[in-house]
Amino acid sequence: MSGSAVVVLVIEVCAAVTGQVLLKHAMERSVEFGVVSRKVLPLFLGSVIALAVSFFLMLALLQHLDLSYFFPFQASTTVLIVAAALLFLRERLSLQLVVGTVLITAGIIIVSAS
């Protein structure tokens, strides 16, 4: 995998995580302020932009990388979303969440090593 592909892959994963966290934050605030509020609309639009960037970078990466290399890295978004939710949204950890995240991480390592 080339260096430029790694950079694009990192940007794609970061955009996906950012989009998901912004979308969740926007939806939580929309309950209080409404979807078209000035406090919610920028978050919602930011999430749509981040997810669109992620989608189009994913399409570009699929042209150049084998699925067996791409999707283990793509699966890391799940773990990163959990971490971002803990940090930025102050969500709580449960035992099931910890076990699931550990299993996903182990799966990523096993698939990447093969």
C-alpha atoms as a PDB file:
ATOM      1  CA  MET A   1       0.000   0.000   0.000  1.00  0.00           C
ATOM      2  CA  SER A   2       1.455   3.360  -1.027  1.00  0.00           C
ATOM      3  CA  GLY A   3       1.999   6.266   1.317  1.00  0.00           C
ATOM      4  CA  SER A   4      -0.644   8.373  -0.408  1.00  0.00           C
ATOM      5  CA  ALA A   5      -3.194   5.575  -0.013  1.00  0.00           C
ATOM      6  CA  VAL A   6      -2.449   5.432   3.715  1.00  0.00           C
ATOM      7  CA  VAL A   7      -2.940   9.206   4.038  1.00  0.00           C
ATOM      8  CA  VAL A   8      -6.247   9.057   2.134  1.00  0.00           C
ATOM      9  CA  LEU A   9      -7.336   6.086   4.247  1.00  0.00           C
ATOM     10  CA  VAL A  10      -6.613   7.968   7.480  1.00  0.00           C
ATOM     11  CA  ILE A  11      -8.524  11.004   6.191  1.00  0.00           C
ATOM     12  CA  GLU A  12     -11.449   8.780   5.175  1.00  0.00           C
ATOM     13  CA  VAL A  13     -11.644   7.123   8.602  1.00  0.00           C
ATOM     14  CA  CYS A  14     -11.378  10.499  10.386  1.00  0.00           C
ATOM     15  CA  ALA A  15     -14.115  11.957   8.181  1.00  0.00           C
ATOM     16  CA  ALA A  16     -16.381   8.979   8.904  1.00  0.00           C
ATOM     17  CA  VAL A  17     -15.842   9.254  12.657  1.00  0.00           C
ATOM     18  CA  THR A  18     -16.307  13.034  12.619  1.00  0.00           C
ATOM     19  CA  GLY A  19     -19.488  12.728  10.578  1.00  0.00           C
ATOM     20  CA  GLN A  20     -21.018  10.161  12.909  1.00  0.00           C
ATOM     21  CA  VAL A  21     -20.167  12.121  16.068  1.00  0.00           C
ATOM     22  CA  LEU A  22     -21.462  15.398  14.618  1.00  0.00           C
ATOM     23  CA  LEU A  23     -24.660  13.704  13.448  1.00  0.00           C
ATOM     24  CA  LYS A  24     -25.301  12.205  16.879  1.00  0.00           C
ATOM     25  CA  HIS A  25     -24.629  15.557  18.554  1.00  0.00           C
ATOM     26  CA  ALA A  26     -26.940  17.350  16.103  1.00  0.00           C
ATOM     27  CA  MET A  27     -29.731  14.853  16.673  1.00  0.00           C
ATOM     28  CA  GLU A  28     -29.426  15.175  20.449  1.00  0.00           C
ATOM     29  CA  ARG A  29     -29.604  18.978  20.230  1.00  0.00           C
ATOM     30  CA  SER A  30     -32.489  18.857  17.748  1.00  0.00           C
ATOM     31  CA  VAL A  31     -34.745  17.498  20.488  1.00  0.00           C
ATOM     32  CA  GLU A  32     -34.243  20.708  22.455  1.00  0.00           C
ATOM     33  CA  PHE A  33     -33.914  23.304  19.687  1.00  0.00           C
ATOM     34  CA  GLY A  34     -35.439  21.747  16.535  1.00  0.00           C
ATOM     35  CA  VAL A  35     -33.658  20.558  13.413  1.00  0.00           C
ATOM     36  CA  VAL A  36     -33.582  23.935  11.637  1.00  0.00           C
ATOM     37  CA  SER A  37     -32.266  25.840  14.655  1.00  0.00           C
ATOM     38  CA  ARG A  38     -29.105  27.900  14.274  1.00  0.00           C
ATOM     39  CA  LYS A  39     -27.613  25.744  17.030  1.00  0.00           C
ATOM     40  CA  VAL A  40     -28.343  22.472  15.218  1.00  0.00           C
ATOM     41  CA  LEU A  41     -28.204  23.145  11.476  1.00  0.00           C
ATOM     42  CA  PRO A  42     -24.414  23.783  11.332  1.00  0.00           C
ATOM     43  CA  LEU A  43     -23.775  20.512  13.179  1.00  0.00           C
ATOM     44  CA  PHE A  44     -26.097  18.646  10.856  1.00  0.00           C
ATOM     45  CA  LEU A  45     -24.573  20.177   7.721  1.00  0.00           C
ATOM     46  CA  GLY A  46     -21.064  19.497   9.034  1.00  0.00           C
ATOM     47  CA  SER A  47     -21.966  15.862   9.569  1.00  0.00           C
ATOM     48  CA  VAL A  48     -23.393  15.548   6.058  1.00  0.00           C
ATOM     49  CA  ILE A  49     -20.248  17.099   4.570  1.00  0.00           C
ATOM     50  CA  ALA A  50     -17.928  14.865   6.625  1.00  0.00           C
ATOM     51  CA  LEU A  51     -19.896  11.734   5.704  1.00  0.00           C
ATOM     52  CA  ALA A  52     -19.931  12.752   2.023  1.00  0.00           C
ATOM     53  CA  VAL A  53     -16.146  13.244   2.098  1.00  0.00           C
ATOM     54  CA  SER A  54     -15.807   9.829   3.715  1.00  0.00           C
ATOM     55  CA  PHE A  55     -18.051   8.226   1.089  1.00  0.00           C
ATOM     56  CA  PHE A  56     -16.214   9.669  -1.905  1.00  0.00           C
ATOM     57  CA  LEU A  57     -12.799   8.881  -0.449  1.00  0.00           C
ATOM     58  CA  MET A  58     -14.031   5.323   0.166  1.00  0.00           C
ATOM     59  CA  LEU A  59     -14.973   5.062  -3.515  1.00  0.00           C
ATOM     60  CA  ALA A  60     -11.522   6.287  -4.521  1.00  0.00           C
ATOM     61  CA  LEU A  61      -9.824   3.853  -2.165  1.00  0.00           C
ATOM     62  CA  LEU A  62     -11.864   0.930  -3.471  1.00  0.00           C
ATOM     63  CA  GLN A  63     -10.443   1.635  -6.932  1.00  0.00           C
ATOM     64  CA  HIS A  64      -6.888   1.237  -5.674  1.00  0.00           C
ATOM     65  CA  LEU A  65      -6.964  -1.175  -2.746  1.00  0.00           C
ATOM     66  CA  ASP A  66      -8.014  -4.776  -2.322  1.00  0.00           C
ATOM     67  CA  LEU A  67     -11.050  -5.276  -0.108  1.00  0.00           C
ATOM     68  CA  SER A  68      -8.975  -7.504   2.153  1.00  0.00           C
ATOM     69  CA  TYR A  69      -6.766  -4.504   2.980  1.00  0.00           C
ATOM     70  CA  PHE A  70      -9.400  -1.776   2.964  1.00  0.00           C
ATOM     71  CA  PHE A  71     -12.123  -3.197   5.183  1.00  0.00           C
ATOM     72  CA  PRO A  72      -9.998  -4.064   8.229  1.00  0.00           C
ATOM     73  CA  PHE A  73      -9.009  -0.400   8.348  1.00  0.00           C
ATOM     74  CA  GLN A  74     -12.595   0.636   7.680  1.00  0.00           C
ATOM     75  CA  ALA A  75     -13.701  -1.521  10.614  1.00  0.00           C
ATOM     76  CA  SER A  76     -11.498   0.557  12.889  1.00  0.00           C
ATOM     77  CA  THR A  77     -14.057   3.357  12.554  1.00  0.00           C
ATOM     78  CA  THR A  78     -16.291   1.422  14.963  1.00  0.00           C
ATOM     79  CA  VAL A  79     -13.643   1.488  17.670  1.00  0.00           C
ATOM     80  CA  LEU A  80     -12.806   5.127  16.987  1.00  0.00           C
ATOM     81  CA  ILE A  81     -16.485   6.140  17.099  1.00  0.00           C
ATOM     82  CA  VAL A  82     -16.779   4.517  20.527  1.00  0.00           C
ATOM     83  CA  ALA A  83     -13.705   6.441  21.708  1.00  0.00           C
ATOM     84  CA  ALA A  84     -14.982   9.713  20.222  1.00  0.00           C
ATOM     85  CA  ALA A  85     -18.413   9.210  21.815  1.00  0.00           C
ATOM     86  CA  LEU A  86     -16.737   8.750  25.184  1.00  0.00           C
ATOM     87  CA  LEU A  87     -14.555  11.845  24.760  1.00  0.00           C
ATOM     88  CA  PHE A  88     -16.818  14.305  22.973  1.00  0.00           C
ATOM     89  CA  LEU A  89     -20.360  13.187  23.779  1.00  0.00           C
ATOM     90  CA  ARG A  90     -19.567  11.978  27.300  1.00  0.00           C
ATOM     91  CA  GLU A  91     -21.347   8.680  26.764  1.00  0.00           C
ATOM     92  CA  ARG A  92     -20.947   5.998  29.406  1.00  0.00           C
ATOM     93  CA  LEU A  93     -19.077   2.732  29.080  1.00  0.00           C
ATOM     94  CA  SER A  94     -20.908  -0.499  29.740  1.00  0.00           C
ATOM     95  CA  LEU A  95     -19.390  -3.945  30.063  1.00  0.00           C
ATOM     96  CA  GLN A  96     -21.045  -5.015  26.809  1.00  0.00           C
ATOM     97  CA  LEU A  97     -19.559  -2.006  25.003  1.00  0.00           C
ATOM     98  CA  VAL A  98     -16.074  -2.764  26.299  1.00  0.00           C
ATOM     99  CA  VAL A  99     -16.328  -6.465  25.390  1.00  0.00           C
ATOM    100  CA  GLY A 100     -17.712  -5.654  21.933  1.00  0.00           C
ATOM    101  CA  THR A 101     -14.988  -3.101  21.259  1.00  0.00           C
ATOM    102  CA  VAL A 102     -12.285  -5.550  22.358  1.00  0.00           C
ATOM    103  CA  LEU A 103     -13.742  -8.261  20.096  1.00  0.00           C
ATOM    104  CA  ILE A 104     -13.890  -5.878  17.135  1.00  0.00           C
ATOM    105  CA  THR A 105     -10.298  -4.810  17.759  1.00  0.00           C
ATOM    106  CA  ALA A 106      -9.175  -8.445  17.996  1.00  0.00           C
ATOM    107  CA  GLY A 107     -10.991  -9.211  14.750  1.00  0.00           C
ATOM    108  CA  ILE A 108      -9.295  -6.288  12.989  1.00  0.00           C
ATOM    109  CA  ILE A 109      -5.892  -7.489  14.184  1.00  0.00           C
ATOM    110  CA  ILE A 110      -6.557 -11.101  13.113  1.00  0.00           C
ATOM    111  CA  VAL A 111      -7.827 -10.106   9.661  1.00  0.00           C
ATOM    112  CA  SER A 112      -5.009  -7.592   9.132  1.00  0.00           C
ATOM    113  CA  ALA A 113      -2.362 -10.135  10.085  1.00  0.00           C
ATOM    114  CA  SER A 114      -3.522 -12.657   7.494  1.00  0.00           C
END
